[in-house]
Amino acid sequence: MPLLPWVLSGIVFDIDGSTALAAATVKVINLNTLEVLTSTTAADGSYAVTFTTYSNNDILFIEARKTIATDLEKIGSDNTTIDTGLPGRNVNVTVSRIADKKIETIVFRTPIQEREDRIFSPQFNALRVLPTGFETKQTAIIRDVNNFVSEIDENDGLHIKISLFTRDVNNLISYIAERIK
């Protein structure tokens, strides 16, 4: 017997927790099957996605994003599980932080060679130098008074790699400096 569609729905709220957020992108990932479904919130902040392939207790990760400037977006997330005894579930998500897209595009590297070229955005072409065998075991993210990432410290147990971010008056990254100590 085929499974009935299982619907995950809810409302995405702004940072204040009460204002509905229209035109936000909602991505739902079934962590057991890796199926990804997306939706865009309506004017009232509502979203809905329908699963046709699922199992009881599948874990769902829900992420809501709303672009607010060229490189800034509001982000929030939640999670739930599928209960096959129910036709669906209602999960509301509140965007709880503002993220800089440039920071989020930095891929935390797995060192294959001593030097890696990374392009962070069209205006950045940063040369990343890592000791051979550097494998991040702990990462610390430091934020400034505006809650923007200002420093990322990666520790492999022997070395600490520090990435410092300088921002312009619009809080966009204008310079990246990296060193290993």
C-alpha atoms as a PDB file:
ATOM      1  CA  MET A   1       0.000   0.000   0.000  1.00  0.00           C
ATOM      2  CA  PRO A   2       1.509   3.374  -1.002  1.00  0.00           C
ATOM      3  CA  LEU A   3       2.091   5.982   1.661  1.00  0.00           C
ATOM      4  CA  LEU A   4      -0.275   8.912   1.896  1.00  0.00           C
ATOM      5  CA  PRO A   5       1.259  12.348   1.395  1.00  0.00           C
ATOM      6  CA  TRP A   6       2.627  13.769   4.663  1.00  0.00           C
ATOM      7  CA  VAL A   7       2.461  17.588   4.926  1.00  0.00           C
ATOM      8  CA  LEU A   8       4.791  19.800   6.938  1.00  0.00           C
ATOM      9  CA  SER A   9       3.463  23.329   7.277  1.00  0.00           C
ATOM     10  CA  GLY A  10       3.848  26.369   9.477  1.00  0.00           C
ATOM     11  CA  ILE A  11       4.553  30.071   9.625  1.00  0.00           C
ATOM     12  CA  VAL A  12       7.920  31.826   9.418  1.00  0.00           C
ATOM     13  CA  PHE A  13       8.217  34.721  11.863  1.00  0.00           C
ATOM     14  CA  ASP A  14      10.634  37.640  11.810  1.00  0.00           C
ATOM     15  CA  ILE A  15      13.268  38.189  14.506  1.00  0.00           C
ATOM     16  CA  ASP A  16      10.684  39.779  16.837  1.00  0.00           C
ATOM     17  CA  GLY A  17       8.878  36.412  16.984  1.00  0.00           C
ATOM     18  CA  SER A  18       5.453  37.787  16.076  1.00  0.00           C
ATOM     19  CA  THR A  19       5.620  39.416  12.617  1.00  0.00           C
ATOM     20  CA  ALA A  20       4.993  36.979   9.744  1.00  0.00           C
ATOM     21  CA  LEU A  21       7.807  36.959   7.173  1.00  0.00           C
ATOM     22  CA  ALA A  22       6.652  36.923   3.544  1.00  0.00           C
ATOM     23  CA  ALA A  23       8.822  35.767   0.606  1.00  0.00           C
ATOM     24  CA  ALA A  24      11.234  33.783   2.784  1.00  0.00           C
ATOM     25  CA  THR A  25      12.740  30.599   1.343  1.00  0.00           C
ATOM     26  CA  VAL A  26      12.059  27.491   3.404  1.00  0.00           C
ATOM     27  CA  LYS A  27      14.201  24.403   2.841  1.00  0.00           C
ATOM     28  CA  VAL A  28      13.241  21.120   4.510  1.00  0.00           C
ATOM     29  CA  ILE A  29      15.732  18.244   4.535  1.00  0.00           C
ATOM     30  CA  ASN A  30      14.776  14.708   5.486  1.00  0.00           C
ATOM     31  CA  LEU A  31      18.015  13.764   7.252  1.00  0.00           C
ATOM     32  CA  ASN A  32      17.289  10.040   6.877  1.00  0.00           C
ATOM     33  CA  THR A  33      16.711  10.031   3.098  1.00  0.00           C
ATOM     34  CA  LEU A  34      18.477  13.343   2.228  1.00  0.00           C
ATOM     35  CA  GLU A  35      15.400  14.430   0.266  1.00  0.00           C
ATOM     36  CA  VAL A  36      15.195  18.245   0.042  1.00  0.00           C
ATOM     37  CA  LEU A  37      11.931  20.125  -0.440  1.00  0.00           C
ATOM     38  CA  THR A  38      11.625  23.904  -0.769  1.00  0.00           C
ATOM     39  CA  SER A  39       8.856  26.429  -0.456  1.00  0.00           C
ATOM     40  CA  THR A  40       8.463  30.206  -0.432  1.00  0.00           C
ATOM     41  CA  THR A  41       6.363  31.793   2.286  1.00  0.00           C
ATOM     42  CA  ALA A  42       3.112  33.493   1.351  1.00  0.00           C
ATOM     43  CA  ALA A  43       2.144  37.033   2.402  1.00  0.00           C
ATOM     44  CA  ASP A  44       0.990  35.659   5.781  1.00  0.00           C
ATOM     45  CA  GLY A  45       4.346  33.882   6.320  1.00  0.00           C
ATOM     46  CA  SER A  46       2.879  30.418   5.767  1.00  0.00           C
ATOM     47  CA  TYR A  47       4.683  27.547   4.033  1.00  0.00           C
ATOM     48  CA  ALA A  48       3.917  23.922   3.237  1.00  0.00           C
ATOM     49  CA  VAL A  49       5.860  21.009   1.761  1.00  0.00           C
ATOM     50  CA  THR A  50       4.525  17.541   0.973  1.00  0.00           C
ATOM     51  CA  PHE A  51       6.503  14.346   1.458  1.00  0.00           C
ATOM     52  CA  THR A  52       5.450  11.306  -0.578  1.00  0.00           C
ATOM     53  CA  THR A  53       8.375   9.087   0.426  1.00  0.00           C
ATOM     54  CA  TYR A  54       9.057   8.827   4.151  1.00  0.00           C
ATOM     55  CA  SER A  55       9.247   6.528   7.159  1.00  0.00           C
ATOM     56  CA  ASN A  56       8.101   6.850  10.739  1.00  0.00           C
ATOM     57  CA  ASN A  57      10.526   8.916  12.869  1.00  0.00           C
ATOM     58  CA  ASP A  58      12.395  10.385   9.874  1.00  0.00           C
ATOM     59  CA  ILE A  59      14.145  13.541  11.134  1.00  0.00           C
ATOM     60  CA  LEU A  60      13.332  16.788   9.307  1.00  0.00           C
ATOM     61  CA  PHE A  61      15.578  19.870   9.432  1.00  0.00           C
ATOM     62  CA  ILE A  62      13.751  23.105   8.550  1.00  0.00           C
ATOM     63  CA  GLU A  63      15.653  26.236   7.545  1.00  0.00           C
ATOM     64  CA  ALA A  64      14.123  29.624   6.663  1.00  0.00           C
ATOM     65  CA  ARG A  65      16.106  32.381   4.926  1.00  0.00           C
ATOM     66  CA  LYS A  66      15.161  35.897   3.863  1.00  0.00           C
ATOM     67  CA  THR A  67      17.573  38.154   1.961  1.00  0.00           C
ATOM     68  CA  ILE A  68      17.592  41.673   3.428  1.00  0.00           C
ATOM     69  CA  ALA A  69      20.570  43.185   1.546  1.00  0.00           C
ATOM     70  CA  THR A  70      22.996  42.109  -1.158  1.00  0.00           C
ATOM     71  CA  ASP A  71      25.109  40.044   1.224  1.00  0.00           C
ATOM     72  CA  LEU A  72      22.910  39.837   4.321  1.00  0.00           C
ATOM     73  CA  GLU A  73      20.090  37.475   5.163  1.00  0.00           C
ATOM     74  CA  LYS A  74      17.933  36.548   8.122  1.00  0.00           C
ATOM     75  CA  ILE A  75      18.138  32.862   9.053  1.00  0.00           C
ATOM     76  CA  GLY A  76      16.210  30.590  11.379  1.00  0.00           C
ATOM     77  CA  SER A  77      15.844  26.845  11.783  1.00  0.00           C
ATOM     78  CA  ASP A  78      14.000  24.135  13.637  1.00  0.00           C
ATOM     79  CA  ASN A  79      13.533  20.387  13.409  1.00  0.00           C
ATOM     80  CA  THR A  80      10.871  17.758  13.897  1.00  0.00           C
ATOM     81  CA  THR A  81      10.190  14.099  13.163  1.00  0.00           C
ATOM     82  CA  ILE A  82       7.652  12.421  10.933  1.00  0.00           C
ATOM     83  CA  ASP A  83       4.866  10.624  12.766  1.00  0.00           C
ATOM     84  CA  THR A  84       3.149   8.293  10.290  1.00  0.00           C
ATOM     85  CA  GLY A  85       0.126   8.170  12.593  1.00  0.00           C
ATOM     86  CA  LEU A  86      -0.588  11.785  11.648  1.00  0.00           C
ATOM     87  CA  PRO A  87      -1.260  13.315   8.200  1.00  0.00           C
ATOM     88  CA  GLY A  88       1.345  16.000   8.868  1.00  0.00           C
ATOM     89  CA  ARG A  89       2.713  18.446  11.371  1.00  0.00           C
ATOM     90  CA  ASN A  90       2.742  22.206  11.921  1.00  0.00           C
ATOM     91  CA  VAL A  91       6.163  23.725  12.784  1.00  0.00           C
ATOM     92  CA  ASN A  92       6.650  27.489  13.036  1.00  0.00           C
ATOM     93  CA  VAL A  93      10.141  28.913  12.494  1.00  0.00           C
ATOM     94  CA  THR A  94      11.484  32.221  13.784  1.00  0.00           C
ATOM     95  CA  VAL A  95      14.453  33.753  11.983  1.00  0.00           C
ATOM     96  CA  SER A  96      16.797  34.336  14.904  1.00  0.00           C
ATOM     97  CA  ARG A  97      19.957  35.811  13.404  1.00  0.00           C
ATOM     98  CA  ILE A  98      21.402  37.859  10.569  1.00  0.00           C
ATOM     99  CA  ALA A  99      24.159  36.232   8.534  1.00  0.00           C
ATOM    100  CA  ASP A 100      26.699  37.579   6.076  1.00  0.00           C
ATOM    101  CA  LYS A 101      26.525  35.444   2.913  1.00  0.00           C
ATOM    102  CA  LYS A 102      30.248  35.973   2.259  1.00  0.00           C
ATOM    103  CA  ILE A 103      31.136  34.332   5.570  1.00  0.00           C
ATOM    104  CA  GLU A 104      28.804  31.424   4.933  1.00  0.00           C
ATOM    105  CA  THR A 105      30.374  30.726   1.545  1.00  0.00           C
ATOM    106  CA  ILE A 106      33.758  30.019   3.127  1.00  0.00           C
ATOM    107  CA  VAL A 107      34.221  26.290   2.942  1.00  0.00           C
ATOM    108  CA  PHE A 108      36.046  24.948   5.969  1.00  0.00           C
ATOM    109  CA  ARG A 109      38.775  23.085   4.185  1.00  0.00           C
ATOM    110  CA  THR A 110      40.027  19.559   4.316  1.00  0.00           C
ATOM    111  CA  PRO A 111      43.722  19.951   3.545  1.00  0.00           C
ATOM    112  CA  ILE A 112      44.797  17.951   0.541  1.00  0.00           C
ATOM    113  CA  GLN A 113      47.766  20.140  -0.263  1.00  0.00           C
ATOM    114  CA  GLU A 114      49.675  22.938   1.417  1.00  0.00           C
ATOM    115  CA  ARG A 115      48.118  25.730  -0.641  1.00  0.00           C
ATOM    116  CA  GLU A 116      44.528  26.150  -1.704  1.00  0.00           C
ATOM    117  CA  ASP A 117      43.084  28.923  -3.838  1.00  0.00           C
ATOM    118  CA  ARG A 118      39.631  30.048  -2.737  1.00  0.00           C
ATOM    119  CA  ILE A 119      37.420  32.686  -4.276  1.00  0.00           C
ATOM    120  CA  PHE A 120      35.103  34.104  -1.618  1.00  0.00           C
ATOM    121  CA  SER A 121      33.199  36.394  -3.987  1.00  0.00           C
ATOM    122  CA  PRO A 122      34.024  38.111  -7.269  1.00  0.00           C
ATOM    123  CA  GLN A 123      36.123  40.785  -5.527  1.00  0.00           C
ATOM    124  CA  PHE A 124      38.097  38.342  -3.342  1.00  0.00           C
ATOM    125  CA  ASN A 125      40.727  35.925  -4.488  1.00  0.00           C
ATOM    126  CA  ALA A 126      42.347  34.784  -1.279  1.00  0.00           C
ATOM    127  CA  LEU A 127      45.344  32.481  -1.097  1.00  0.00           C
ATOM    128  CA  ARG A 128      44.955  30.097   1.831  1.00  0.00           C
ATOM    129  CA  VAL A 129      48.113  28.586   3.294  1.00  0.00           C
ATOM    130  CA  LEU A 130      47.814  25.696   5.725  1.00  0.00           C
ATOM    131  CA  PRO A 131      50.386  23.370   7.231  1.00  0.00           C
ATOM    132  CA  THR A 132      50.289  19.908   5.675  1.00  0.00           C
ATOM    133  CA  GLY A 133      48.008  17.698   7.740  1.00  0.00           C
ATOM    134  CA  PHE A 134      46.012  20.587   9.270  1.00  0.00           C
ATOM    135  CA  GLU A 135      42.664  19.099  10.190  1.00  0.00           C
ATOM    136  CA  THR A 136      40.260  21.344  12.064  1.00  0.00           C
ATOM    137  CA  LYS A 137      39.117  19.854  15.365  1.00  0.00           C
ATOM    138  CA  GLN A 138      37.584  22.964  16.894  1.00  0.00           C
ATOM    139  CA  THR A 139      36.240  26.182  15.358  1.00  0.00           C
ATOM    140  CA  ALA A 140      35.431  29.374  17.268  1.00  0.00           C
ATOM    141  CA  ILE A 141      33.436  32.172  15.671  1.00  0.00           C
ATOM    142  CA  ILE A 142      33.775  35.646  17.207  1.00  0.00           C
ATOM    143  CA  ARG A 143      31.128  38.284  16.504  1.00  0.00           C
ATOM    144  CA  ASP A 144      31.313  42.069  16.767  1.00  0.00           C
ATOM    145  CA  VAL A 145      28.823  44.349  18.579  1.00  0.00           C
ATOM    146  CA  ASN A 146      26.486  44.175  15.537  1.00  0.00           C
ATOM    147  CA  ASN A 147      26.499  40.345  15.709  1.00  0.00           C
ATOM    148  CA  PHE A 148      28.502  40.018  12.478  1.00  0.00           C
ATOM    149  CA  VAL A 149      31.350  37.520  12.271  1.00  0.00           C
ATOM    150  CA  SER A 150      34.640  39.352  12.797  1.00  0.00           C
ATOM    151  CA  GLU A 151      37.005  36.420  13.378  1.00  0.00           C
ATOM    152  CA  ILE A 152      37.122  32.655  12.844  1.00  0.00           C
ATOM    153  CA  ASP A 153      39.667  30.612  14.799  1.00  0.00           C
ATOM    154  CA  GLU A 154      40.313  27.025  13.666  1.00  0.00           C
ATOM    155  CA  ASN A 155      42.347  24.739  15.911  1.00  0.00           C
ATOM    156  CA  ASP A 156      43.897  21.392  14.940  1.00  0.00           C
ATOM    157  CA  GLY A 157      45.496  20.758  18.331  1.00  0.00           C
ATOM    158  CA  LEU A 158      48.928  22.040  17.216  1.00  0.00           C
ATOM    159  CA  HIS A 159      48.163  25.209  15.273  1.00  0.00           C
ATOM    160  CA  ILE A 160      45.505  27.874  15.403  1.00  0.00           C
ATOM    161  CA  LYS A 161      44.491  29.430  12.087  1.00  0.00           C
ATOM    162  CA  ILE A 162      42.962  32.881  12.529  1.00  0.00           C
ATOM    163  CA  SER A 163      40.831  34.558   9.847  1.00  0.00           C
ATOM    164  CA  LEU A 164      40.081  38.251  10.510  1.00  0.00           C
ATOM    165  CA  PHE A 165      37.353  40.112   8.618  1.00  0.00           C
ATOM    166  CA  THR A 166      37.406  43.890   8.112  1.00  0.00           C
ATOM    167  CA  ARG A 167      34.084  45.496   7.233  1.00  0.00           C
ATOM    168  CA  ASP A 168      33.134  48.696   5.461  1.00  0.00           C
ATOM    169  CA  VAL A 169      30.511  51.218   6.650  1.00  0.00           C
ATOM    170  CA  ASN A 170      27.741  48.977   5.284  1.00  0.00           C
ATOM    171  CA  ASN A 171      29.043  46.015   7.343  1.00  0.00           C
ATOM    172  CA  LEU A 172      30.112  44.182   4.196  1.00  0.00           C
ATOM    173  CA  ILE A 173      33.458  42.385   4.207  1.00  0.00           C
ATOM    174  CA  SER A 174      36.127  44.516   2.562  1.00  0.00           C
ATOM    175  CA  TYR A 175      39.276  42.640   3.601  1.00  0.00           C
ATOM    176  CA  ILE A 176      40.221  39.167   4.846  1.00  0.00           C
ATOM    177  CA  ALA A 177      43.494  38.503   6.687  1.00  0.00           C
ATOM    178  CA  GLU A 178      44.633  35.024   7.717  1.00  0.00           C
ATOM    179  CA  ARG A 179      47.531  33.764   9.801  1.00  0.00           C
ATOM    180  CA  ILE A 180      48.604  30.622  11.594  1.00  0.00           C
ATOM    181  CA  LYS A 181      50.043  30.754  15.097  1.00  0.00           C
END
